[in-house]
Protein backbone atom coordinates (compact mmCIF):
# COMPACT_ATOMS: atom_id res chain seq x y z
CA UNK A 1 -7.54 -52.87 24.20
CA UNK A 2 -5.15 -50.75 26.28
CA UNK A 3 -1.44 -51.60 26.37
CA UNK A 4 -1.51 -52.60 30.02
CA UNK A 5 -4.44 -54.92 29.35
CA UNK A 6 -2.47 -56.57 26.57
CA UNK A 7 0.56 -57.06 28.84
CA UNK A 8 -1.57 -58.50 31.64
CA UNK A 9 -3.44 -60.78 29.23
CA UNK A 10 -0.31 -62.26 27.63
CA UNK A 11 1.45 -62.80 30.94
CA UNK A 12 -1.71 -64.30 32.45
CA UNK A 13 -2.04 -66.85 29.63
CA UNK A 14 1.66 -67.72 29.78
CA UNK A 15 1.64 -68.02 33.57
CA UNK A 16 -1.52 -70.17 33.59
CA UNK A 17 -0.13 -72.74 31.14
CA UNK A 18 3.29 -72.71 32.82
CA UNK A 19 1.91 -73.31 36.32
CA UNK A 20 -0.47 -75.98 35.02
CA UNK A 21 2.37 -77.77 33.22
CA UNK A 22 4.64 -77.61 36.23
CA UNK A 23 1.92 -78.96 38.53
CA UNK A 24 1.11 -81.76 36.08
CA UNK A 25 4.81 -82.65 35.90
CA UNK A 26 5.08 -82.98 39.67
CA UNK A 27 2.00 -85.19 39.75
CA UNK A 28 3.28 -87.45 36.98
CA UNK A 29 6.78 -87.64 38.48
CA UNK A 30 5.35 -89.24 41.58
CA UNK A 31 3.43 -91.86 39.58
CA UNK A 32 5.66 -92.76 36.64
CA UNK A 33 9.25 -92.16 35.60
CA UNK A 34 8.81 -93.52 32.08
CA UNK A 35 7.22 -90.34 30.73
CA UNK A 36 10.31 -88.18 30.80
CA UNK A 37 11.72 -89.18 27.44
CA UNK A 38 8.49 -89.01 25.33
CA UNK A 39 7.49 -85.71 26.91
CA UNK A 40 10.97 -84.36 26.25
CA UNK A 41 10.73 -85.27 22.57
CA UNK A 42 7.24 -83.77 22.30
CA UNK A 43 8.29 -80.60 24.08
CA UNK A 44 11.34 -80.15 21.82
CA UNK A 45 9.28 -80.63 18.67
CA UNK A 46 6.59 -78.22 19.83
CA UNK A 47 9.14 -75.57 20.81
CA UNK A 48 10.66 -75.76 17.32
CA UNK A 49 7.24 -75.39 15.70
CA UNK A 50 6.28 -72.50 17.96
CA UNK A 51 9.61 -70.83 17.19
CA UNK A 52 8.73 -70.89 13.48
CA UNK A 53 5.24 -69.51 14.17
CA UNK A 54 6.61 -66.70 16.34
CA UNK A 55 9.20 -65.80 13.72
CA UNK A 56 6.51 -65.77 11.03
CA UNK A 57 4.22 -63.52 13.07
CA UNK A 58 7.07 -61.16 13.96
CA UNK A 59 8.12 -60.88 10.30
CA UNK A 60 4.53 -59.99 9.35
CA UNK A 61 4.35 -57.32 12.04
CA UNK A 62 7.75 -55.83 11.14
CA UNK A 63 6.87 -55.74 7.44
CA UNK A 64 3.63 -53.90 8.10
CA UNK A 65 5.40 -51.47 10.43
CA UNK A 66 7.95 -50.65 7.73
CA UNK A 67 5.15 -50.17 5.19
CA UNK A 68 3.44 -47.66 7.50
CA UNK A 69 6.65 -45.69 7.98
CA UNK A 70 7.30 -45.63 4.24
CA UNK A 71 3.72 -44.54 3.53
CA UNK A 72 4.03 -41.66 6.00
CA UNK A 73 7.23 -40.43 4.34
CA UNK A 74 5.69 -40.78 0.87
CA UNK A 75 2.60 -38.80 1.85
CA UNK A 76 4.70 -36.06 3.45
CA UNK A 77 6.74 -35.79 0.25
CA UNK A 78 3.58 -35.64 -1.86
CA UNK A 79 2.05 -32.90 0.30
CA UNK A 80 5.32 -30.96 0.27
CA UNK A 81 5.60 -31.12 -3.52
CA UNK A 82 1.97 -30.05 -3.89
CA UNK A 83 2.54 -27.13 -1.53
CA UNK A 84 5.52 -25.95 -3.59
CA UNK A 85 3.66 -26.19 -6.88
CA UNK A 86 0.60 -24.45 -5.42
CA UNK A 87 2.80 -21.39 -4.98
CA UNK A 88 2.99 -21.11 -8.79
CA UNK A 89 -0.77 -20.72 -9.22
CA UNK A 90 -2.42 -17.41 -9.96
CA UNK A 91 -4.39 -15.57 -7.32
CA UNK A 92 -6.80 -16.03 -5.65
CA UNK A 93 -6.38 -19.81 -6.07
CA UNK A 94 -2.79 -19.63 -4.85
CA UNK A 95 -3.56 -18.20 -1.41
CA UNK A 96 -6.68 -20.33 -0.93
CA UNK A 97 -4.89 -23.56 -1.94
CA UNK A 98 -1.91 -22.88 0.33
CA UNK A 99 -4.23 -22.32 3.30
CA UNK A 100 -6.13 -25.54 2.58
CA UNK A 101 -2.88 -27.50 2.25
CA UNK A 102 -1.80 -26.30 5.69
CA UNK A 103 -5.09 -27.53 7.14
CA UNK A 104 -4.73 -30.77 5.20
CA UNK A 105 -1.30 -31.33 6.75
CA UNK A 106 -2.77 -30.73 10.20
CA UNK A 107 -5.33 -33.44 9.52
CA UNK A 108 -2.64 -35.80 8.23
CA UNK A 109 -0.79 -35.33 11.52
CA UNK A 110 -4.01 -35.93 13.45
CA UNK A 111 -4.44 -39.27 11.66
CA UNK A 112 -1.14 -40.46 13.17
CA UNK A 113 -2.62 -40.10 16.65
CA UNK A 114 -5.84 -41.99 15.94
CA UNK A 115 -6.45 -45.70 16.39
CA UNK A 116 -7.22 -47.35 13.02
CA UNK A 117 -10.94 -47.98 12.44
CA UNK A 118 -11.89 -45.85 15.46
CA UNK A 119 -14.41 -43.03 15.51
CA UNK A 120 -11.58 -40.50 15.75
CA UNK A 121 -9.94 -41.95 12.65
CA UNK A 122 -13.20 -41.75 10.72
CA UNK A 123 -13.62 -38.10 11.71
CA UNK A 124 -10.07 -37.24 10.67
CA UNK A 125 -10.34 -39.01 7.31
CA UNK A 126 -13.72 -37.39 6.68
CA UNK A 127 -12.16 -33.97 7.31
CA UNK A 128 -9.37 -34.87 4.88
CA UNK A 129 -11.93 -35.90 2.29
CA UNK A 130 -13.70 -32.55 2.57
CA UNK A 131 -10.41 -30.69 2.14
CA UNK A 132 -9.59 -32.83 -0.88
CA UNK A 133 -12.83 -31.82 -2.56
CA UNK A 134 -12.14 -28.13 -1.87
CA UNK A 135 -8.57 -28.40 -3.17
CA UNK A 136 -9.73 -30.19 -6.32
CA UNK A 137 -12.39 -27.55 -6.97
CA UNK A 138 -9.78 -24.79 -6.72
CA UNK A 139 -7.45 -26.73 -9.00
CA UNK A 140 -10.22 -27.05 -11.56
CA UNK A 141 -10.81 -23.32 -11.43
CA UNK A 142 -7.08 -22.65 -11.97
CA UNK A 143 -6.98 -24.95 -14.99
CA UNK A 144 -10.13 -23.41 -16.43
CA UNK A 145 -8.74 -19.91 -15.99
CA UNK A 146 -5.47 -20.78 -17.78
CA UNK A 147 -6.00 -23.97 -19.81
CA UNK A 148 -2.66 -23.69 -21.65
CA UNK A 149 -0.51 -22.74 -18.66
CA UNK A 150 1.99 -25.26 -17.31
CA UNK A 151 1.71 -24.51 -13.58
CA UNK A 152 -1.94 -25.51 -13.07
CA UNK A 153 -1.44 -28.74 -15.01
CA UNK A 154 1.60 -29.93 -13.07
CA UNK A 155 -0.13 -28.87 -9.85
CA UNK A 156 -3.16 -31.03 -10.69
CA UNK A 157 -0.90 -34.03 -11.30
CA UNK A 158 0.82 -33.61 -7.94
CA UNK A 159 -2.49 -33.01 -6.18
CA UNK A 160 -3.84 -36.26 -7.56
CA UNK A 161 -0.69 -38.08 -6.37
CA UNK A 162 -1.19 -36.56 -2.91
CA UNK A 163 -4.70 -37.99 -2.77
CA UNK A 164 -3.38 -41.40 -3.84
CA UNK A 165 -0.70 -41.38 -1.15
CA UNK A 166 -3.31 -40.69 1.49
CA UNK A 167 -5.19 -43.81 0.38
CA UNK A 168 -1.98 -45.84 0.51
CA UNK A 169 -1.21 -44.60 4.01
CA UNK A 170 -4.69 -45.33 5.35
CA UNK A 171 -4.54 -48.79 3.81
CA UNK A 172 -1.18 -49.42 5.50
CA UNK A 173 -2.55 -48.29 8.87
CA UNK A 174 -5.47 -50.71 8.56
CA UNK A 175 -3.34 -53.60 7.27
CA UNK A 176 -2.97 -55.58 10.49
CA UNK A 177 -1.57 -59.02 11.17
CA UNK A 178 -4.51 -61.46 10.81
CA UNK A 179 -6.19 -62.24 14.12
CA UNK A 180 -5.94 -66.05 13.69
CA UNK A 181 -2.16 -65.73 13.30
CA UNK A 182 -1.87 -63.78 16.55
CA UNK A 183 -4.19 -66.20 18.35
CA UNK A 184 -2.16 -69.17 17.09
CA UNK A 185 1.02 -67.52 18.34
CA UNK A 186 -0.38 -66.96 21.83
CA UNK A 187 -1.91 -70.41 22.18
CA UNK A 188 1.08 -72.17 20.64
CA UNK A 189 3.52 -70.32 22.87
CA UNK A 190 1.39 -71.06 25.93
CA UNK A 191 1.21 -74.77 25.05
CA UNK A 192 4.97 -74.91 24.49
CA UNK A 193 5.60 -73.24 27.86
CA UNK A 194 3.22 -75.69 29.51
CA UNK A 195 5.06 -78.69 28.04
CA UNK A 196 8.42 -77.16 28.93
CA UNK A 197 7.28 -76.67 32.51
CA UNK A 198 5.96 -80.25 32.59
CA UNK A 199 9.26 -81.64 31.30
CA UNK A 200 11.35 -79.61 33.74
CA UNK A 201 9.10 -80.67 36.58
CA UNK A 202 9.43 -84.34 35.54
CA UNK A 203 13.21 -84.01 35.62
CA UNK A 204 13.11 -82.27 38.98
CA UNK A 205 15.12 -79.30 37.71
CA UNK A 206 15.01 -75.73 38.96
CA UNK A 207 12.67 -73.00 37.80
CA UNK A 208 15.30 -70.59 36.48
CA UNK A 209 15.41 -71.93 32.88
CA UNK A 210 11.62 -72.05 32.78
CA UNK A 211 11.26 -68.45 33.97
CA UNK A 212 13.82 -67.23 31.43
CA UNK A 213 12.02 -69.05 28.59
CA UNK A 214 8.64 -67.71 29.71
CA UNK A 215 9.98 -64.14 29.88
CA UNK A 216 11.61 -64.33 26.43
CA UNK A 217 8.55 -65.81 24.74
CA UNK A 218 6.22 -63.32 26.42
CA UNK A 219 8.47 -60.42 25.38
CA UNK A 220 8.49 -61.66 21.78
CA UNK A 221 4.70 -61.85 21.79
CA UNK A 222 4.43 -58.33 23.22
CA UNK A 223 6.76 -56.92 20.56
CA UNK A 224 4.71 -58.59 17.82
CA UNK A 225 1.47 -57.16 19.18
CA UNK A 226 3.04 -53.74 19.78
CA UNK A 227 4.34 -53.48 16.21
CA UNK A 228 0.84 -54.23 14.97
CA UNK A 229 -0.67 -51.31 16.93
CA UNK A 230 0.51 -48.22 14.97
CA UNK A 231 -0.98 -45.59 17.29
CA UNK A 232 -0.63 -47.31 20.66
CA UNK A 233 2.05 -48.98 22.72
CA UNK A 234 5.78 -48.30 22.80
CA UNK A 235 6.57 -48.78 19.11
CA UNK A 236 4.48 -46.28 17.17
CA UNK A 237 4.82 -45.02 13.61
CA UNK A 238 6.74 -41.69 13.81
CA UNK A 239 5.03 -38.67 12.29
CA UNK A 240 8.26 -36.64 12.14
CA UNK A 241 8.15 -36.10 8.34
CA UNK A 242 4.68 -34.57 8.55
CA UNK A 243 5.51 -32.46 11.61
CA UNK A 244 8.63 -31.07 9.95
CA UNK A 245 6.67 -30.36 6.78
CA UNK A 246 4.02 -28.46 8.74
CA UNK A 247 6.71 -26.43 10.48
CA UNK A 248 8.16 -25.44 7.09
CA UNK A 249 4.72 -24.22 6.02
CA UNK A 250 4.85 -21.57 8.75
CA UNK A 251 7.55 -19.80 6.76
CA UNK A 252 6.67 -17.40 3.93
CA UNK A 253 6.17 -19.20 0.59
CA UNK A 254 9.46 -19.76 -1.23
CA UNK A 255 8.01 -18.62 -4.55
CA UNK A 256 6.47 -15.13 -4.84
CA UNK A 257 2.99 -14.71 -6.26
CA UNK A 258 2.95 -14.72 -10.09
């Protein structure tokens, strides 16, 4: 779903329930004045419950967003450490591994632009998997050529950690707020707005408080949804650590060839 479709959908649901509640309030006001107090109590209780649900959903979305940011930094650090240690390998594995690590970083950056579970994401992760196999094969050759040397062994350890961090990052990108929680938030917020509109209409008050409440609740829902969409919307997971790492790889290796 595109961002504009999400905005239109949330505002449409909120507006529909609000208008329906306001119209029902005007109808009931003309037929009975004894409903104001019970509807007021019900509306207050529902608003409190919906407030808890919205806070719970927002905390889930924020937590997952922070996990994705942390996973991106951790993977960039793992790739950077692997790139440094690859410079200590003997030729020709050194040059071949450094070139593959540059391509691997390019693919890691490409992952940040793909929608989780999309065809583009599957292509990017498949390309990363192929590069991982090639890097591991070169690492095995380096260890076999110098089984007692320190550099190939520490490089293999870091390479394995780099692979693990990629799995952690992909898992974080696919760890979304459960759909039933988001659906409950939208429906609960819409019902609360409908009851609020009904109560205000029963009291014969103006629309200003209702419009402010509708705008605030809709904005909170949009932020929750936006945080849960790592590659779309206004709040995306920054790929700055990976981009800076790739820029540093354009420089000559810090360590000369052994």
